[in-house]
Amino acid sequence: MFAESERSSKIHLEDGLWFRVDADCNVDISKPKISWPKCANWMILSRGVEVKTSDSKPGDEPEDVFIVDGKPPLIQARIKTNGKDVAYGFLALKAQAYSAKGTVTDGKAWPVPCGIDEATEGAAPKVTPYPGFNKDCMPQSVDALRAAAAKGPAKGNDVVEWKWVRAETP
């Protein structure tokens, strides 16, 4: 949806080790990540690229963290199935803290909802797409995507917080 020329020149995530805040996972971040419990999700970022994660497998390629300015800022993410690019997904980003040099060190992110989940008795929930989204939840325009992002997260538990821990390389 977004071209390289639309990449944010204002919003940058701090390079190094990040961890996902999880109330059900007690992590002593002062210790080396190798000693963290299995429930701890972490990633190492370098120049806007996720180079390693807690669930990285041999042969995994680095993932670009492609941030686009706007209200709210968006992250365009590739979604892979069986190692093939199949689509792009979008996350809204809310920066919560910055380093002295202006890079983000704490942020919340959530998937941009594509519609309204309608509960159906005894069946899987059905999504009624927002205007500008197709039945597969793909936005048909940047305006439709921005309007959906501005609505906020679909559910409170969709919001994930990531915090920078320290400078670290893989």
N, C-alpha and C. Protein backbone atom coordinates (compact mmCIF):
# COMPACT_ATOMS: atom_id res chain seq x y z
N MET A 1 0.84 -1.18 0.00
CA MET A 1 0.00 0.00 0.00
C MET A 1 0.88 1.25 0.00
N PHE A 2 1.96 1.21 0.81
CA PHE A 2 2.82 2.39 0.91
C PHE A 2 4.14 2.13 0.19
N ALA A 3 4.60 3.14 -0.52
CA ALA A 3 5.86 3.07 -1.25
C ALA A 3 7.01 3.52 -0.36
N GLU A 4 8.21 3.16 -0.74
CA GLU A 4 9.41 3.53 0.02
C GLU A 4 9.47 5.03 0.27
N SER A 5 9.01 5.83 -0.67
CA SER A 5 9.04 7.29 -0.52
C SER A 5 8.13 7.78 0.61
N GLU A 6 7.23 6.92 1.09
CA GLU A 6 6.31 7.29 2.17
C GLU A 6 6.80 6.86 3.55
N ARG A 7 7.97 6.23 3.60
CA ARG A 7 8.55 5.82 4.89
C ARG A 7 8.79 7.05 5.75
N SER A 8 8.49 6.96 7.03
CA SER A 8 8.64 8.09 7.94
C SER A 8 10.10 8.51 8.06
N SER A 9 10.31 9.80 8.01
CA SER A 9 11.65 10.33 8.28
C SER A 9 11.68 10.92 9.69
N LYS A 10 10.54 10.89 10.38
CA LYS A 10 10.43 11.47 11.72
C LYS A 10 10.43 10.43 12.83
N ILE A 11 9.81 9.28 12.58
CA ILE A 11 9.64 8.27 13.63
C ILE A 11 10.62 7.13 13.41
N HIS A 12 11.50 6.93 14.39
CA HIS A 12 12.48 5.85 14.34
C HIS A 12 12.48 5.12 15.68
N LEU A 13 12.57 3.81 15.63
CA LEU A 13 12.66 3.01 16.84
C LEU A 13 14.13 2.87 17.23
N GLU A 14 14.40 2.90 18.52
CA GLU A 14 15.77 2.77 19.04
C GLU A 14 16.34 1.41 18.64
N ASP A 15 17.58 1.39 18.17
CA ASP A 15 18.26 0.13 17.87
C ASP A 15 18.54 -0.63 19.15
N GLY A 16 18.45 -1.95 19.07
CA GLY A 16 18.81 -2.80 20.21
C GLY A 16 17.72 -3.78 20.57
N LEU A 17 17.78 -4.24 21.81
CA LEU A 17 16.88 -5.26 22.33
C LEU A 17 15.59 -4.65 22.85
N TRP A 18 14.46 -5.18 22.40
CA TRP A 18 13.12 -4.78 22.84
C TRP A 18 12.42 -6.00 23.43
N PHE A 19 11.51 -5.77 24.37
CA PHE A 19 10.69 -6.89 24.84
C PHE A 19 9.23 -6.47 24.89
N ARG A 20 8.37 -7.48 24.70
CA ARG A 20 6.92 -7.23 24.74
C ARG A 20 6.44 -7.35 26.18
N VAL A 21 5.80 -6.31 26.66
CA VAL A 21 5.28 -6.29 28.03
C VAL A 21 4.12 -7.27 28.11
N ASP A 22 4.17 -8.15 29.10
CA ASP A 22 3.14 -9.16 29.30
C ASP A 22 2.98 -9.37 30.81
N ALA A 23 1.84 -9.00 31.34
CA ALA A 23 1.59 -9.11 32.79
C ALA A 23 1.70 -10.55 33.27
N ASP A 24 1.51 -11.52 32.39
CA ASP A 24 1.58 -12.94 32.77
C ASP A 24 2.97 -13.54 32.64
N CYS A 25 3.95 -12.71 32.27
CA CYS A 25 5.32 -13.21 32.08
C CYS A 25 6.28 -12.30 32.85
N ASN A 26 6.82 -12.81 33.93
CA ASN A 26 7.73 -12.04 34.78
C ASN A 26 9.15 -12.13 34.22
N VAL A 27 9.68 -10.99 33.77
CA VAL A 27 10.99 -10.95 33.13
C VAL A 27 11.89 -9.98 33.88
N ASP A 28 13.08 -10.43 34.25
CA ASP A 28 14.09 -9.54 34.82
C ASP A 28 14.94 -9.05 33.65
N ILE A 29 14.60 -7.88 33.12
CA ILE A 29 15.26 -7.39 31.91
C ILE A 29 16.72 -7.01 32.13
N SER A 30 17.16 -6.95 33.40
CA SER A 30 18.56 -6.63 33.65
C SER A 30 19.47 -7.83 33.35
N LYS A 31 18.87 -9.03 33.25
CA LYS A 31 19.64 -10.24 32.97
C LYS A 31 19.76 -10.44 31.46
N PRO A 32 20.76 -11.24 31.04
CA PRO A 32 20.87 -11.55 29.60
C PRO A 32 19.59 -12.23 29.10
N LYS A 33 19.21 -11.95 27.87
CA LYS A 33 17.95 -12.50 27.34
C LYS A 33 17.95 -14.02 27.30
N ILE A 34 19.11 -14.64 27.23
CA ILE A 34 19.18 -16.11 27.21
C ILE A 34 18.60 -16.71 28.49
N SER A 35 18.61 -15.92 29.58
CA SER A 35 18.07 -16.42 30.85
C SER A 35 16.60 -16.06 31.06
N TRP A 36 16.02 -15.32 30.12
CA TRP A 36 14.62 -14.94 30.25
C TRP A 36 13.73 -16.18 30.09
N PRO A 37 12.57 -16.17 30.71
CA PRO A 37 11.67 -17.32 30.57
C PRO A 37 11.14 -17.45 29.13
N LYS A 38 10.69 -18.65 28.78
CA LYS A 38 10.18 -18.91 27.42
C LYS A 38 9.01 -18.02 27.05
N CYS A 39 8.26 -17.54 28.04
CA CYS A 39 7.11 -16.69 27.76
C CYS A 39 7.51 -15.29 27.29
N ALA A 40 8.78 -14.94 27.46
CA ALA A 40 9.24 -13.59 27.09
C ALA A 40 9.41 -13.48 25.58
N ASN A 41 8.75 -12.52 25.00
CA ASN A 41 8.89 -12.22 23.58
C ASN A 41 9.82 -11.03 23.44
N TRP A 42 10.83 -11.15 22.58
CA TRP A 42 11.77 -10.09 22.38
C TRP A 42 12.14 -9.99 20.90
N MET A 43 12.73 -8.86 20.54
CA MET A 43 13.25 -8.67 19.19
C MET A 43 14.47 -7.75 19.27
N ILE A 44 15.34 -7.91 18.29
CA ILE A 44 16.48 -7.02 18.16
C ILE A 44 16.28 -6.22 16.87
N LEU A 45 16.31 -4.89 17.02
CA LEU A 45 16.16 -3.99 15.88
C LEU A 45 17.50 -3.36 15.53
N SER A 46 17.72 -3.19 14.23
CA SER A 46 18.90 -2.50 13.75
C SER A 46 18.50 -1.68 12.53
N ARG A 47 18.55 -0.36 12.66
CA ARG A 47 18.22 0.57 11.56
C ARG A 47 16.84 0.29 10.97
N GLY A 48 15.87 0.08 11.83
CA GLY A 48 14.51 -0.11 11.37
C GLY A 48 14.20 -1.50 10.83
N VAL A 49 15.08 -2.44 11.12
CA VAL A 49 14.88 -3.81 10.67
C VAL A 49 14.92 -4.75 11.87
N GLU A 50 13.91 -5.61 11.97
CA GLU A 50 13.88 -6.64 13.01
C GLU A 50 14.80 -7.76 12.53
N VAL A 51 15.98 -7.89 13.18
CA VAL A 51 16.98 -8.84 12.70
C VAL A 51 16.92 -10.19 13.40
N LYS A 52 16.33 -10.23 14.59
CA LYS A 52 16.20 -11.49 15.31
C LYS A 52 15.08 -11.34 16.33
N THR A 53 14.37 -12.45 16.58
CA THR A 53 13.29 -12.45 17.56
C THR A 53 13.39 -13.69 18.43
N SER A 54 12.60 -13.69 19.49
CA SER A 54 12.59 -14.84 20.39
C SER A 54 12.11 -16.10 19.70
N ASP A 55 11.38 -15.98 18.61
CA ASP A 55 10.92 -17.17 17.90
C ASP A 55 11.53 -17.30 16.50
N SER A 56 12.70 -16.66 16.28
CA SER A 56 13.39 -16.80 15.00
C SER A 56 13.80 -18.24 14.77
N LYS A 57 13.71 -18.64 13.50
CA LYS A 57 14.14 -19.98 13.10
C LYS A 57 15.29 -19.85 12.11
N PRO A 58 16.14 -20.87 12.01
CA PRO A 58 17.23 -20.80 11.04
C PRO A 58 16.67 -20.51 9.64
N GLY A 59 17.31 -19.60 8.95
CA GLY A 59 16.86 -19.25 7.60
C GLY A 59 15.87 -18.11 7.55
N ASP A 60 15.34 -17.68 8.71
CA ASP A 60 14.43 -16.54 8.71
C ASP A 60 15.16 -15.30 8.24
N GLU A 61 14.48 -14.51 7.42
CA GLU A 61 15.06 -13.28 6.93
C GLU A 61 14.66 -12.11 7.83
N PRO A 62 15.50 -11.07 7.90
CA PRO A 62 15.13 -9.88 8.67
C PRO A 62 13.82 -9.28 8.14
N GLU A 63 13.06 -8.66 9.04
CA GLU A 63 11.79 -8.03 8.67
C GLU A 63 11.89 -6.52 8.80
N ASP A 64 11.52 -5.83 7.76
CA ASP A 64 11.51 -4.38 7.75
C ASP A 64 10.39 -3.87 8.65
N VAL A 65 10.68 -2.90 9.51
CA VAL A 65 9.65 -2.23 10.31
C VAL A 65 9.38 -0.91 9.58
N PHE A 66 8.41 -0.94 8.69
CA PHE A 66 8.12 0.15 7.76
C PHE A 66 7.07 1.06 8.39
N ILE A 67 7.51 2.21 8.89
CA ILE A 67 6.63 3.15 9.59
C ILE A 67 6.25 4.28 8.64
N VAL A 68 4.96 4.62 8.67
CA VAL A 68 4.42 5.68 7.83
C VAL A 68 3.81 6.74 8.75
N ASP A 69 4.14 8.01 8.52
CA ASP A 69 3.58 9.10 9.32
C ASP A 69 2.07 9.18 9.15
N GLY A 70 1.42 9.82 10.10
CA GLY A 70 -0.02 10.04 10.04
C GLY A 70 -0.60 10.00 11.44
N LYS A 71 -1.91 10.14 11.52
CA LYS A 71 -2.59 10.09 12.82
C LYS A 71 -3.58 8.96 12.78
N PRO A 72 -3.27 7.85 13.41
CA PRO A 72 -1.99 7.51 14.05
C PRO A 72 -0.96 7.05 13.01
N PRO A 73 0.33 7.06 13.39
CA PRO A 73 1.33 6.48 12.50
C PRO A 73 1.00 5.00 12.29
N LEU A 74 1.41 4.47 11.15
CA LEU A 74 1.12 3.07 10.81
C LEU A 74 2.41 2.30 10.58
N ILE A 75 2.35 1.01 10.85
CA ILE A 75 3.43 0.09 10.49
C ILE A 75 2.86 -0.84 9.43
N GLN A 76 3.50 -0.87 8.27
CA GLN A 76 3.11 -1.79 7.20
C GLN A 76 3.95 -3.05 7.37
N ALA A 77 3.29 -4.19 7.54
CA ALA A 77 4.00 -5.44 7.82
C ALA A 77 3.63 -6.51 6.79
N ARG A 78 4.65 -7.24 6.33
CA ARG A 78 4.39 -8.37 5.45
C ARG A 78 3.84 -9.52 6.26
N ILE A 79 2.86 -10.19 5.72
CA ILE A 79 2.30 -11.38 6.36
C ILE A 79 2.67 -12.55 5.47
N LYS A 80 3.36 -13.54 6.07
CA LYS A 80 3.82 -14.69 5.29
C LYS A 80 3.09 -15.95 5.71
N THR A 81 2.86 -16.80 4.73
CA THR A 81 2.33 -18.13 4.99
C THR A 81 3.23 -19.10 4.24
N ASN A 82 3.77 -20.08 4.97
CA ASN A 82 4.68 -21.06 4.36
C ASN A 82 5.83 -20.40 3.63
N GLY A 83 6.33 -19.29 4.17
CA GLY A 83 7.49 -18.62 3.60
C GLY A 83 7.21 -17.77 2.38
N LYS A 84 5.96 -17.64 1.99
CA LYS A 84 5.61 -16.84 0.81
C LYS A 84 4.90 -15.57 1.25
N ASP A 85 5.21 -14.44 0.60
CA ASP A 85 4.49 -13.20 0.87
C ASP A 85 3.08 -13.36 0.33
N VAL A 86 2.10 -13.15 1.19
CA VAL A 86 0.72 -13.29 0.73
C VAL A 86 -0.06 -11.99 0.84
N ALA A 87 0.34 -11.12 1.74
CA ALA A 87 -0.43 -9.89 1.93
C ALA A 87 0.37 -8.93 2.82
N TYR A 88 -0.22 -7.77 3.01
CA TYR A 88 0.32 -6.82 3.97
C TYR A 88 -0.73 -6.59 5.04
N GLY A 89 -0.26 -6.45 6.26
CA GLY A 89 -1.12 -6.09 7.38
C GLY A 89 -0.67 -4.74 7.90
N PHE A 90 -1.51 -4.13 8.69
CA PHE A 90 -1.20 -2.79 9.17
C PHE A 90 -1.45 -2.69 10.66
N LEU A 91 -0.49 -2.07 11.34
CA LEU A 91 -0.60 -1.82 12.78
C LEU A 91 -0.61 -0.32 13.00
N ALA A 92 -1.39 0.12 13.95
CA ALA A 92 -1.33 1.52 14.39
C ALA A 92 -0.26 1.58 15.48
N LEU A 93 0.44 2.69 15.57
CA LEU A 93 1.54 2.86 16.52
C LEU A 93 1.31 4.08 17.37
N LYS A 94 1.49 3.91 18.68
CA LYS A 94 1.43 5.04 19.60
C LYS A 94 2.72 5.06 20.40
N ALA A 95 3.60 6.02 20.08
CA ALA A 95 4.86 6.16 20.82
C ALA A 95 4.55 6.69 22.21
N GLN A 96 5.23 6.12 23.22
CA GLN A 96 4.98 6.52 24.61
C GLN A 96 6.19 7.14 25.29
N ALA A 97 7.38 6.84 24.78
CA ALA A 97 8.60 7.41 25.37
C ALA A 97 9.67 7.50 24.28
N TYR A 98 10.57 8.45 24.49
CA TYR A 98 11.63 8.72 23.51
C TYR A 98 12.97 8.80 24.21
N SER A 99 14.03 8.47 23.48
CA SER A 99 15.39 8.65 23.98
C SER A 99 15.76 10.12 23.86
N ALA A 100 16.92 10.49 24.41
CA ALA A 100 17.40 11.86 24.31
C ALA A 100 17.61 12.28 22.85
N LYS A 101 17.91 11.33 21.99
CA LYS A 101 18.11 11.66 20.57
C LYS A 101 16.82 11.60 19.75
N GLY A 102 15.69 11.31 20.40
CA GLY A 102 14.39 11.37 19.74
C GLY A 102 13.87 10.07 19.15
N THR A 103 14.55 8.96 19.41
CA THR A 103 14.05 7.68 18.92
C THR A 103 13.04 7.10 19.91
N VAL A 104 12.08 6.37 19.40
CA VAL A 104 11.05 5.77 20.25
C VAL A 104 11.67 4.65 21.08
N THR A 105 11.39 4.65 22.40
CA THR A 105 11.88 3.61 23.30
C THR A 105 10.75 2.85 23.99
N ASP A 106 9.54 3.24 23.76
CA ASP A 106 8.38 2.56 24.35
C ASP A 106 7.20 2.89 23.44
N GLY A 107 6.50 1.86 23.02
CA GLY A 107 5.36 2.11 22.15
C GLY A 107 4.32 1.02 22.24
N LYS A 108 3.10 1.39 21.92
CA LYS A 108 2.00 0.44 21.84
C LYS A 108 1.60 0.31 20.38
N ALA A 109 1.20 -0.89 20.01
CA ALA A 109 0.76 -1.14 18.64
C ALA A 109 -0.44 -2.08 18.66
N TRP A 110 -1.28 -1.93 17.66
CA TRP A 110 -2.44 -2.82 17.54
C TRP A 110 -2.81 -2.96 16.07
N PRO A 111 -3.38 -4.10 15.70
CA PRO A 111 -3.80 -4.27 14.31
C PRO A 111 -4.90 -3.28 13.95
N VAL A 112 -4.79 -2.70 12.76
CA VAL A 112 -5.86 -1.82 12.29
C VAL A 112 -7.06 -2.72 11.99
N PRO A 113 -8.19 -2.46 12.64
CA PRO A 113 -9.36 -3.31 12.39
C PRO A 113 -9.92 -3.06 10.99
N CYS A 114 -10.43 -4.11 10.38
CA CYS A 114 -10.98 -3.95 9.03
C CYS A 114 -12.50 -3.86 9.04
N GLY A 115 -13.07 -4.06 10.22
CA GLY A 115 -14.53 -4.02 10.30
C GLY A 115 -15.00 -4.32 11.70
N ILE A 116 -16.26 -4.61 11.80
CA ILE A 116 -16.89 -4.88 13.09
C ILE A 116 -17.15 -6.38 13.22
N ASP A 117 -16.64 -6.97 14.32
CA ASP A 117 -16.92 -8.38 14.60
C ASP A 117 -18.36 -8.49 15.08
N GLU A 118 -19.12 -9.29 14.41
CA GLU A 118 -20.51 -9.51 14.82
C GLU A 118 -20.62 -10.91 15.40
N ALA A 119 -21.02 -10.97 16.64
CA ALA A 119 -21.18 -12.27 17.29
C ALA A 119 -22.36 -12.99 16.67
N THR A 120 -22.15 -14.25 16.39
CA THR A 120 -23.23 -15.08 15.88
C THR A 120 -23.35 -16.28 16.80
N GLU A 121 -24.55 -16.60 17.14
CA GLU A 121 -24.78 -17.66 18.11
C GLU A 121 -24.31 -19.01 17.56
N GLY A 122 -23.38 -19.63 18.28
CA GLY A 122 -22.91 -20.96 17.92
C GLY A 122 -22.01 -21.03 16.70
N ALA A 123 -21.60 -19.90 16.15
CA ALA A 123 -20.74 -19.92 14.97
C ALA A 123 -19.56 -18.96 15.19
N ALA A 124 -18.60 -19.07 14.30
CA ALA A 124 -17.45 -18.17 14.38
C ALA A 124 -17.92 -16.74 14.11
N PRO A 125 -17.29 -15.75 14.76
CA PRO A 125 -17.69 -14.36 14.52
C PRO A 125 -17.54 -13.99 13.05
N LYS A 126 -18.41 -13.17 12.59
CA LYS A 126 -18.37 -12.68 11.21
C LYS A 126 -17.98 -11.21 11.25
N VAL A 127 -17.09 -10.82 10.35
CA VAL A 127 -16.66 -9.43 10.28
C VAL A 127 -17.44 -8.72 9.18
N THR A 128 -18.05 -7.62 9.56
CA THR A 128 -18.68 -6.73 8.57
C THR A 128 -17.64 -5.66 8.25
N PRO A 129 -17.09 -5.68 7.01
CA PRO A 129 -16.01 -4.74 6.69
C PRO A 129 -16.44 -3.28 6.75
N TYR A 130 -15.50 -2.44 7.17
CA TYR A 130 -15.70 -1.00 7.11
C TYR A 130 -15.76 -0.59 5.64
N PRO A 131 -16.33 0.58 5.36
CA PRO A 131 -16.31 1.09 3.98
C PRO A 131 -14.86 1.16 3.48
N GLY A 132 -14.65 0.70 2.27
CA GLY A 132 -13.32 0.74 1.68
C GLY A 132 -12.48 -0.48 1.95
N PHE A 133 -13.04 -1.51 2.62
CA PHE A 133 -12.35 -2.79 2.84
C PHE A 133 -13.13 -3.87 2.10
N ASN A 134 -12.42 -4.84 1.53
CA ASN A 134 -13.12 -5.93 0.86
C ASN A 134 -13.45 -7.04 1.85
N LYS A 135 -14.09 -8.10 1.36
CA LYS A 135 -14.53 -9.19 2.25
C LYS A 135 -13.35 -9.93 2.88
N ASP A 136 -12.15 -9.78 2.30
CA ASP A 136 -10.94 -10.41 2.85
C ASP A 136 -10.18 -9.47 3.78
N CYS A 137 -10.83 -8.35 4.15
CA CYS A 137 -10.27 -7.36 5.07
C CYS A 137 -9.07 -6.60 4.51
N MET A 138 -8.99 -6.49 3.22
CA MET A 138 -7.91 -5.71 2.62
C MET A 138 -8.43 -4.31 2.29
N PRO A 139 -7.68 -3.27 2.71
CA PRO A 139 -8.11 -1.91 2.40
C PRO A 139 -7.98 -1.63 0.92
N GLN A 140 -8.93 -0.89 0.39
CA GLN A 140 -8.92 -0.56 -1.03
C GLN A 140 -8.29 0.81 -1.29
N SER A 141 -8.01 1.55 -0.22
CA SER A 141 -7.37 2.86 -0.37
C SER A 141 -6.69 3.25 0.94
N VAL A 142 -5.78 4.20 0.84
CA VAL A 142 -5.11 4.73 2.04
C VAL A 142 -6.14 5.43 2.92
N ASP A 143 -7.08 6.14 2.31
CA ASP A 143 -8.11 6.84 3.10
C ASP A 143 -8.92 5.85 3.95
N ALA A 144 -9.31 4.71 3.36
CA ALA A 144 -10.07 3.71 4.11
C ALA A 144 -9.23 3.15 5.26
N LEU A 145 -7.95 2.90 5.00
CA LEU A 145 -7.05 2.39 6.03
C LEU A 145 -6.90 3.41 7.16
N ARG A 146 -6.70 4.67 6.82
CA ARG A 146 -6.54 5.73 7.84
C ARG A 146 -7.82 5.87 8.67
N ALA A 147 -8.98 5.81 8.03
CA ALA A 147 -10.25 5.94 8.76
C ALA A 147 -10.41 4.79 9.75
N ALA A 148 -10.04 3.58 9.34
CA ALA A 148 -10.13 2.42 10.25
C ALA A 148 -9.13 2.55 11.40
N ALA A 149 -7.92 3.00 11.10
CA ALA A 149 -6.89 3.16 12.14
C ALA A 149 -7.32 4.19 13.17
N ALA A 150 -7.99 5.25 12.73
CA ALA A 150 -8.42 6.32 13.63
C ALA A 150 -9.48 5.84 14.62
N LYS A 151 -10.14 4.72 14.33
CA LYS A 151 -11.16 4.17 15.24
C LYS A 151 -10.55 3.54 16.49
N GLY A 152 -9.24 3.25 16.44
CA GLY A 152 -8.58 2.62 17.58
C GLY A 152 -8.68 1.11 17.48
N PRO A 153 -8.16 0.42 18.50
CA PRO A 153 -8.16 -1.05 18.44
C PRO A 153 -9.57 -1.62 18.51
N ALA A 154 -9.77 -2.76 17.85
CA ALA A 154 -11.08 -3.43 17.87
C ALA A 154 -11.41 -3.91 19.27
N LYS A 155 -10.37 -4.45 19.96
CA LYS A 155 -10.54 -4.95 21.33
C LYS A 155 -9.35 -4.47 22.15
N GLY A 156 -9.58 -4.25 23.43
CA GLY A 156 -8.50 -3.79 24.31
C GLY A 156 -7.32 -4.74 24.35
N ASN A 157 -7.59 -6.05 24.23
CA ASN A 157 -6.48 -7.00 24.31
C ASN A 157 -5.71 -7.11 22.99
N ASP A 158 -6.09 -6.33 21.97
CA ASP A 158 -5.33 -6.26 20.72
C ASP A 158 -4.08 -5.40 20.87
N VAL A 159 -4.03 -4.57 21.91
CA VAL A 159 -2.93 -3.63 22.09
C VAL A 159 -1.74 -4.34 22.74
N VAL A 160 -0.58 -4.18 22.12
CA VAL A 160 0.65 -4.79 22.63
C VAL A 160 1.65 -3.66 22.88
N GLU A 161 2.31 -3.72 24.04
CA GLU A 161 3.33 -2.72 24.36
C GLU A 161 4.72 -3.33 24.23
N TRP A 162 5.61 -2.59 23.57
CA TRP A 162 7.01 -2.99 23.42
C TRP A 162 7.89 -1.92 24.06
N LYS A 163 8.89 -2.37 24.82
CA LYS A 163 9.82 -1.44 25.48
C LYS A 163 11.26 -1.79 25.10
N TRP A 164 12.01 -0.73 24.85
CA TRP A 164 13.43 -0.90 24.58
C TRP A 164 14.14 -1.24 25.87
N VAL A 165 15.08 -2.20 25.81
CA VAL A 165 15.80 -2.65 27.00
C VAL A 165 17.22 -2.09 27.02
N ARG A 166 17.97 -2.32 25.94
CA ARG A 166 19.37 -1.89 25.90
C ARG A 166 19.91 -2.07 24.49
N ALA A 167 21.07 -1.46 24.25
CA ALA A 167 21.76 -1.66 22.97
C ALA A 167 22.24 -3.11 22.93
N GLU A 168 21.94 -3.77 21.85
CA GLU A 168 22.37 -5.17 21.70
C GLU A 168 22.28 -5.54 20.23
N THR A 169 23.17 -6.42 19.81
CA THR A 169 23.14 -6.94 18.45
C THR A 169 22.97 -8.46 18.54
N PRO A 170 22.54 -9.08 17.43
CA PRO A 170 22.30 -10.54 17.49
C PRO A 170 23.55 -11.34 17.77
